[in-house]
Amino acid sequence: MNDWYIDTSFLTAFTFPRDKYHSAALALYEEFPHRNLFTSDEVLSEYLNHFSAQGSHLRSLSVQTVDGILELNGVTVFAQSRETFTQGLALYRSRKDKEYSHTDCVSMLHMKANGITEILTADHHFTQAGFKILMKA
């Protein structure tokens, strides 16, 4: 059973039917029962922020999605802490040649620390860091 890390772009594509990765996200979702899943408070915050000004329907849907993840057996959500923030900041600071977001940096650190190599995302930044992205249009 492979471990998968859930990124913001997966959650966004899953929620928003007009996202170009929506079909890919739905197909990958079918694999959830066969995977150990991981994400972080930072990813969930970034996802909620994305839909904060998109109208009440999408805002409500994003809250339902986060509630579902927090309640879903088989999903580990890494807690945000000062330590994860500063470690992510250190990686962010050290990679001036990349366009990694701070959330991406924290996710990369969680993945490395837990031996996770595959990520539910279309974000090529993770490929640059040596991870396998699973969402394709």
N, C-alpha and C. Protein backbone atom coordinates (compact mmCIF):
# COMPACT_ATOMS: atom_id res chain seq x y z
N MET A 1 0.85 -1.18 0.00
CA MET A 1 0.00 0.00 0.00
C MET A 1 0.90 1.24 0.00
N ASN A 2 0.75 2.07 -1.02
CA ASN A 2 1.54 3.29 -1.11
C ASN A 2 0.95 4.40 -0.25
N ASP A 3 1.85 5.22 0.29
CA ASP A 3 1.43 6.41 1.02
C ASP A 3 1.28 7.55 0.04
N TRP A 4 0.21 8.30 0.19
CA TRP A 4 -0.02 9.48 -0.64
C TRP A 4 -0.17 10.71 0.24
N TYR A 5 0.40 11.80 -0.21
CA TYR A 5 0.25 13.08 0.47
C TYR A 5 -0.76 13.91 -0.31
N ILE A 6 -1.72 14.49 0.38
CA ILE A 6 -2.77 15.29 -0.25
C ILE A 6 -2.34 16.75 -0.28
N ASP A 7 -2.29 17.33 -1.46
CA ASP A 7 -1.91 18.74 -1.63
C ASP A 7 -3.15 19.59 -1.93
N THR A 8 -2.97 20.87 -1.80
CA THR A 8 -4.04 21.84 -2.03
C THR A 8 -4.63 21.71 -3.44
N SER A 9 -3.79 21.50 -4.44
CA SER A 9 -4.32 21.45 -5.81
C SER A 9 -5.26 20.26 -6.01
N PHE A 10 -5.02 19.16 -5.31
CA PHE A 10 -5.94 18.03 -5.38
C PHE A 10 -7.29 18.42 -4.77
N LEU A 11 -7.25 19.01 -3.58
CA LEU A 11 -8.49 19.38 -2.91
C LEU A 11 -9.27 20.39 -3.73
N THR A 12 -8.57 21.33 -4.34
CA THR A 12 -9.23 22.34 -5.18
C THR A 12 -9.88 21.68 -6.39
N ALA A 13 -9.16 20.80 -7.06
CA ALA A 13 -9.70 20.11 -8.24
C ALA A 13 -10.87 19.21 -7.85
N PHE A 14 -10.78 18.57 -6.71
CA PHE A 14 -11.86 17.70 -6.25
C PHE A 14 -13.13 18.50 -6.00
N THR A 15 -13.00 19.68 -5.45
CA THR A 15 -14.14 20.51 -5.07
C THR A 15 -14.77 21.24 -6.24
N PHE A 16 -13.96 21.67 -7.20
CA PHE A 16 -14.41 22.59 -8.24
C PHE A 16 -14.54 21.85 -9.58
N PRO A 17 -15.77 21.54 -10.02
CA PRO A 17 -15.98 20.76 -11.24
C PRO A 17 -15.36 21.36 -12.51
N ARG A 18 -15.17 22.67 -12.55
CA ARG A 18 -14.60 23.28 -13.75
C ARG A 18 -13.07 23.29 -13.74
N ASP A 19 -12.47 22.80 -12.68
CA ASP A 19 -11.01 22.69 -12.62
C ASP A 19 -10.56 21.66 -13.66
N LYS A 20 -9.49 21.95 -14.38
CA LYS A 20 -9.06 21.03 -15.44
C LYS A 20 -8.60 19.67 -14.91
N TYR A 21 -8.33 19.57 -13.62
CA TYR A 21 -7.91 18.31 -13.01
C TYR A 21 -9.04 17.62 -12.24
N HIS A 22 -10.26 18.10 -12.38
CA HIS A 22 -11.38 17.55 -11.61
C HIS A 22 -11.57 16.05 -11.86
N SER A 23 -11.57 15.64 -13.11
CA SER A 23 -11.76 14.21 -13.43
C SER A 23 -10.63 13.37 -12.85
N ALA A 24 -9.41 13.87 -12.94
CA ALA A 24 -8.27 13.14 -12.38
C ALA A 24 -8.40 13.03 -10.86
N ALA A 25 -8.84 14.10 -10.23
CA ALA A 25 -9.01 14.08 -8.77
C ALA A 25 -10.08 13.07 -8.36
N LEU A 26 -11.18 13.02 -9.09
CA LEU A 26 -12.24 12.06 -8.78
C LEU A 26 -11.75 10.62 -8.94
N ALA A 27 -10.98 10.37 -9.99
CA ALA A 27 -10.44 9.02 -10.21
C ALA A 27 -9.47 8.62 -9.09
N LEU A 28 -8.62 9.55 -8.69
CA LEU A 28 -7.68 9.26 -7.61
C LEU A 28 -8.40 9.07 -6.27
N TYR A 29 -9.47 9.78 -6.07
CA TYR A 29 -10.26 9.65 -4.85
C TYR A 29 -10.75 8.21 -4.66
N GLU A 30 -11.05 7.54 -5.76
CA GLU A 30 -11.51 6.16 -5.69
C GLU A 30 -10.46 5.23 -5.07
N GLU A 31 -9.20 5.65 -5.11
CA GLU A 31 -8.11 4.85 -4.55
C GLU A 31 -7.90 5.08 -3.05
N PHE A 32 -8.58 6.06 -2.47
CA PHE A 32 -8.37 6.41 -1.06
C PHE A 32 -8.44 5.21 -0.12
N PRO A 33 -9.41 4.30 -0.28
CA PRO A 33 -9.47 3.17 0.67
C PRO A 33 -8.24 2.26 0.63
N HIS A 34 -7.46 2.35 -0.44
CA HIS A 34 -6.30 1.47 -0.62
C HIS A 34 -4.98 2.17 -0.29
N ARG A 35 -5.04 3.34 0.30
CA ARG A 35 -3.84 4.14 0.55
C ARG A 35 -3.80 4.62 1.99
N ASN A 36 -2.58 4.87 2.47
CA ASN A 36 -2.39 5.65 3.68
C ASN A 36 -2.26 7.09 3.23
N LEU A 37 -3.08 7.95 3.78
CA LEU A 37 -3.14 9.34 3.31
C LEU A 37 -2.62 10.29 4.38
N PHE A 38 -1.94 11.33 3.90
CA PHE A 38 -1.34 12.33 4.78
C PHE A 38 -1.58 13.72 4.20
N THR A 39 -1.69 14.69 5.06
CA THR A 39 -1.72 16.09 4.66
C THR A 39 -1.33 16.90 5.89
N SER A 40 -1.50 18.20 5.84
CA SER A 40 -1.11 19.04 6.97
C SER A 40 -2.12 20.15 7.21
N ASP A 41 -2.07 20.71 8.39
CA ASP A 41 -2.89 21.88 8.70
C ASP A 41 -2.61 23.00 7.71
N GLU A 42 -1.35 23.15 7.29
CA GLU A 42 -0.99 24.21 6.35
C GLU A 42 -1.71 24.02 5.01
N VAL A 43 -1.76 22.79 4.53
CA VAL A 43 -2.46 22.50 3.27
C VAL A 43 -3.95 22.82 3.42
N LEU A 44 -4.54 22.39 4.52
CA LEU A 44 -5.97 22.64 4.73
C LEU A 44 -6.26 24.14 4.84
N SER A 45 -5.37 24.88 5.48
CA SER A 45 -5.53 26.34 5.56
C SER A 45 -5.41 26.98 4.19
N GLU A 46 -4.44 26.55 3.41
CA GLU A 46 -4.26 27.11 2.07
C GLU A 46 -5.48 26.83 1.21
N TYR A 47 -6.03 25.64 1.33
CA TYR A 47 -7.23 25.25 0.59
C TYR A 47 -8.43 26.12 1.00
N LEU A 48 -8.65 26.29 2.28
CA LEU A 48 -9.75 27.14 2.74
C LEU A 48 -9.55 28.57 2.27
N ASN A 49 -8.33 29.06 2.33
CA ASN A 49 -8.03 30.42 1.86
C ASN A 49 -8.38 30.59 0.39
N HIS A 50 -8.13 29.55 -0.40
CA HIS A 50 -8.40 29.62 -1.83
C HIS A 50 -9.88 29.90 -2.11
N PHE A 51 -10.76 29.32 -1.31
CA PHE A 51 -12.20 29.46 -1.54
C PHE A 51 -12.85 30.53 -0.66
N SER A 52 -12.08 31.27 0.10
CA SER A 52 -12.65 32.22 1.06
C SER A 52 -13.49 33.31 0.41
N ALA A 53 -13.16 33.70 -0.80
CA ALA A 53 -13.90 34.78 -1.47
C ALA A 53 -14.59 34.29 -2.75
N GLN A 54 -14.86 32.99 -2.82
CA GLN A 54 -15.45 32.41 -4.03
C GLN A 54 -16.96 32.20 -3.93
N GLY A 55 -17.57 32.83 -2.96
CA GLY A 55 -19.01 32.70 -2.80
C GLY A 55 -19.37 31.68 -1.74
N SER A 56 -20.58 31.80 -1.24
CA SER A 56 -20.99 30.98 -0.10
C SER A 56 -21.05 29.49 -0.42
N HIS A 57 -21.44 29.13 -1.65
CA HIS A 57 -21.54 27.71 -2.00
C HIS A 57 -20.17 27.03 -1.94
N LEU A 58 -19.17 27.59 -2.63
CA LEU A 58 -17.84 26.98 -2.62
C LEU A 58 -17.17 27.08 -1.25
N ARG A 59 -17.46 28.17 -0.56
CA ARG A 59 -16.93 28.30 0.81
C ARG A 59 -17.49 27.18 1.69
N SER A 60 -18.78 26.92 1.60
CA SER A 60 -19.39 25.84 2.38
C SER A 60 -18.86 24.48 1.97
N LEU A 61 -18.69 24.27 0.66
CA LEU A 61 -18.16 23.01 0.17
C LEU A 61 -16.75 22.77 0.68
N SER A 62 -15.93 23.82 0.72
CA SER A 62 -14.56 23.66 1.20
C SER A 62 -14.54 23.30 2.68
N VAL A 63 -15.44 23.87 3.46
CA VAL A 63 -15.53 23.53 4.89
C VAL A 63 -15.95 22.07 5.04
N GLN A 64 -16.92 21.62 4.24
CA GLN A 64 -17.35 20.23 4.30
C GLN A 64 -16.21 19.29 3.95
N THR A 65 -15.42 19.67 2.94
CA THR A 65 -14.29 18.84 2.53
C THR A 65 -13.26 18.72 3.65
N VAL A 66 -12.93 19.84 4.28
CA VAL A 66 -11.95 19.80 5.38
C VAL A 66 -12.50 19.00 6.55
N ASP A 67 -13.77 19.22 6.90
CA ASP A 67 -14.39 18.43 7.97
C ASP A 67 -14.30 16.94 7.65
N GLY A 68 -14.56 16.58 6.40
CA GLY A 68 -14.49 15.18 5.98
C GLY A 68 -13.10 14.60 6.12
N ILE A 69 -12.10 15.36 5.74
CA ILE A 69 -10.71 14.90 5.87
C ILE A 69 -10.35 14.70 7.33
N LEU A 70 -10.75 15.64 8.17
CA LEU A 70 -10.42 15.55 9.59
C LEU A 70 -11.10 14.36 10.27
N GLU A 71 -12.23 13.92 9.71
CA GLU A 71 -12.98 12.80 10.29
C GLU A 71 -12.68 11.47 9.62
N LEU A 72 -12.02 11.49 8.48
CA LEU A 72 -11.79 10.28 7.69
C LEU A 72 -10.72 9.40 8.31
N ASN A 73 -11.07 8.15 8.59
CA ASN A 73 -10.07 7.20 9.07
C ASN A 73 -9.06 6.97 7.96
N GLY A 74 -7.83 6.83 8.32
CA GLY A 74 -6.79 6.58 7.33
C GLY A 74 -6.12 7.83 6.81
N VAL A 75 -6.50 9.00 7.32
CA VAL A 75 -5.84 10.24 6.93
C VAL A 75 -5.13 10.81 8.16
N THR A 76 -3.83 10.98 8.04
CA THR A 76 -3.05 11.63 9.08
C THR A 76 -2.88 13.08 8.68
N VAL A 77 -3.27 13.99 9.57
CA VAL A 77 -3.11 15.42 9.34
C VAL A 77 -2.02 15.92 10.29
N PHE A 78 -0.88 16.31 9.70
CA PHE A 78 0.21 16.82 10.52
C PHE A 78 -0.16 18.19 11.06
N ALA A 79 0.04 18.38 12.35
CA ALA A 79 -0.31 19.63 13.00
C ALA A 79 0.70 20.73 12.67
N GLN A 80 0.18 21.93 12.51
CA GLN A 80 1.05 23.08 12.33
C GLN A 80 1.65 23.45 13.69
N SER A 81 2.91 23.81 13.68
CA SER A 81 3.58 24.22 14.91
C SER A 81 4.63 25.27 14.57
N ARG A 82 5.17 25.87 15.58
CA ARG A 82 6.26 26.82 15.35
C ARG A 82 7.43 26.10 14.67
N GLU A 83 7.68 24.86 15.07
CA GLU A 83 8.78 24.09 14.48
C GLU A 83 8.56 23.84 12.99
N THR A 84 7.35 23.40 12.60
CA THR A 84 7.12 23.17 11.17
C THR A 84 7.16 24.47 10.40
N PHE A 85 6.67 25.55 11.03
CA PHE A 85 6.72 26.85 10.36
C PHE A 85 8.16 27.27 10.10
N THR A 86 9.01 27.18 11.12
CA THR A 86 10.40 27.65 10.95
C THR A 86 11.21 26.72 10.06
N GLN A 87 10.94 25.42 10.10
CA GLN A 87 11.63 24.50 9.19
C GLN A 87 11.22 24.77 7.75
N GLY A 88 9.93 25.01 7.54
CA GLY A 88 9.45 25.37 6.21
C GLY A 88 10.05 26.68 5.74
N LEU A 89 10.15 27.63 6.66
CA LEU A 89 10.76 28.92 6.34
C LEU A 89 12.22 28.76 5.95
N ALA A 90 12.93 27.89 6.64
CA ALA A 90 14.35 27.65 6.31
C ALA A 90 14.48 27.08 4.90
N LEU A 91 13.63 26.13 4.53
CA LEU A 91 13.67 25.59 3.17
C LEU A 91 13.28 26.65 2.16
N TYR A 92 12.24 27.40 2.46
CA TYR A 92 11.79 28.50 1.59
C TYR A 92 12.93 29.49 1.36
N ARG A 93 13.62 29.86 2.42
CA ARG A 93 14.73 30.81 2.36
C ARG A 93 15.90 30.25 1.53
N SER A 94 16.14 28.96 1.65
CA SER A 94 17.29 28.35 0.98
C SER A 94 17.07 28.10 -0.51
N ARG A 95 15.83 28.11 -0.97
CA ARG A 95 15.53 27.79 -2.37
C ARG A 95 15.05 29.02 -3.14
N LYS A 96 15.87 30.04 -3.15
CA LYS A 96 15.53 31.27 -3.87
C LYS A 96 15.40 31.05 -5.37
N ASP A 97 15.97 29.96 -5.86
CA ASP A 97 15.91 29.64 -7.28
C ASP A 97 14.59 28.97 -7.68
N LYS A 98 13.76 28.64 -6.70
CA LYS A 98 12.48 27.97 -6.96
C LYS A 98 11.32 28.88 -6.59
N GLU A 99 10.13 28.50 -7.02
CA GLU A 99 8.92 29.24 -6.69
C GLU A 99 8.06 28.47 -5.69
N TYR A 100 8.70 27.71 -4.82
CA TYR A 100 7.97 26.94 -3.82
C TYR A 100 7.25 27.88 -2.87
N SER A 101 5.99 27.58 -2.57
CA SER A 101 5.29 28.32 -1.54
C SER A 101 5.77 27.81 -0.17
N HIS A 102 5.48 28.55 0.86
CA HIS A 102 5.84 28.08 2.21
C HIS A 102 5.10 26.78 2.51
N THR A 103 3.85 26.69 2.10
CA THR A 103 3.09 25.45 2.32
C THR A 103 3.73 24.29 1.59
N ASP A 104 4.19 24.51 0.36
CA ASP A 104 4.91 23.46 -0.38
C ASP A 104 6.14 23.00 0.40
N CYS A 105 6.88 23.95 0.94
CA CYS A 105 8.09 23.61 1.70
C CYS A 105 7.76 22.75 2.91
N VAL A 106 6.73 23.12 3.65
CA VAL A 106 6.32 22.32 4.81
C VAL A 106 5.89 20.93 4.35
N SER A 107 5.13 20.85 3.27
CA SER A 107 4.70 19.55 2.75
C SER A 107 5.89 18.69 2.35
N MET A 108 6.85 19.27 1.67
CA MET A 108 8.06 18.53 1.27
C MET A 108 8.80 17.98 2.48
N LEU A 109 8.89 18.78 3.52
CA LEU A 109 9.56 18.32 4.74
C LEU A 109 8.80 17.17 5.41
N HIS A 110 7.47 17.27 5.47
CA HIS A 110 6.67 16.17 6.03
C HIS A 110 6.87 14.90 5.19
N MET A 111 6.85 15.06 3.89
CA MET A 111 7.00 13.91 3.02
C MET A 111 8.35 13.25 3.21
N LYS A 112 9.41 14.03 3.21
CA LYS A 112 10.75 13.47 3.40
C LYS A 112 10.87 12.78 4.75
N ALA A 113 10.37 13.41 5.80
CA ALA A 113 10.48 12.85 7.15
C ALA A 113 9.72 11.54 7.30
N ASN A 114 8.70 11.33 6.48
CA ASN A 114 7.85 10.15 6.59
C ASN A 114 7.99 9.17 5.43
N GLY A 115 8.98 9.39 4.57
CA GLY A 115 9.24 8.48 3.46
C GLY A 115 8.14 8.43 2.42
N ILE A 116 7.41 9.52 2.26
CA ILE A 116 6.31 9.59 1.28
C ILE A 116 6.88 10.14 -0.02
N THR A 117 6.67 9.43 -1.11
CA THR A 117 7.25 9.85 -2.40
C THR A 117 6.22 10.28 -3.42
N GLU A 118 4.93 9.99 -3.17
CA GLU A 118 3.88 10.31 -4.14
C GLU A 118 2.92 11.34 -3.55
N ILE A 119 2.54 12.29 -4.38
CA ILE A 119 1.69 13.37 -3.90
C ILE A 119 0.53 13.63 -4.85
N LEU A 120 -0.64 13.81 -4.27
CA LEU A 120 -1.83 14.14 -5.02
C LEU A 120 -1.79 15.63 -5.35
N THR A 121 -1.20 15.93 -6.47
CA THR A 121 -1.04 17.30 -6.93
C THR A 121 -0.74 17.31 -8.41
N ALA A 122 -0.87 18.48 -9.00
CA ALA A 122 -0.41 18.72 -10.37
C ALA A 122 0.74 19.73 -10.34
N ASP A 123 1.15 20.12 -9.16
CA ASP A 123 2.16 21.15 -8.96
C ASP A 123 3.55 20.61 -9.30
N HIS A 124 4.14 21.11 -10.37
CA HIS A 124 5.45 20.63 -10.84
C HIS A 124 6.57 20.91 -9.85
N HIS A 125 6.35 21.78 -8.89
CA HIS A 125 7.39 22.06 -7.89
C HIS A 125 7.78 20.79 -7.14
N PHE A 126 6.84 19.90 -6.96
CA PHE A 126 7.14 18.67 -6.23
C PHE A 126 8.00 17.73 -7.08
N THR A 127 7.83 17.77 -8.38
CA THR A 127 8.70 17.00 -9.26
C THR A 127 10.13 17.53 -9.17
N GLN A 128 10.26 18.85 -9.13
CA GLN A 128 11.58 19.47 -8.99
C GLN A 128 12.29 18.99 -7.72
N ALA A 129 11.51 18.70 -6.69
CA ALA A 129 12.07 18.28 -5.41
C ALA A 129 12.22 16.76 -5.31
N GLY A 130 11.92 16.04 -6.40
CA GLY A 130 12.14 14.60 -6.43
C GLY A 130 10.94 13.74 -6.09
N PHE A 131 9.76 14.32 -6.01
CA PHE A 131 8.55 13.56 -5.70
C PHE A 131 7.78 13.24 -6.97
N LYS A 132 6.93 12.22 -6.89
CA LYS A 132 6.09 11.85 -8.03
C LYS A 132 4.71 12.48 -7.86
N ILE A 133 4.33 13.32 -8.84
CA ILE A 133 3.00 13.92 -8.81
C ILE A 133 2.02 12.97 -9.50
N LEU A 134 0.81 12.89 -8.98
CA LEU A 134 -0.14 11.90 -9.45
C LEU A 134 -1.28 12.45 -10.29
N MET A 135 -1.46 13.76 -10.31
CA MET A 135 -2.57 14.34 -11.09
C MET A 135 -2.07 14.78 -12.46
N LYS A 136 -2.73 14.25 -13.45
CA LYS A 136 -2.46 14.63 -14.83
C LYS A 136 -3.79 15.02 -15.47
N ALA A 137 -3.78 16.02 -16.32
CA ALA A 137 -5.02 16.47 -16.96
C ALA A 137 -5.49 15.46 -18.00
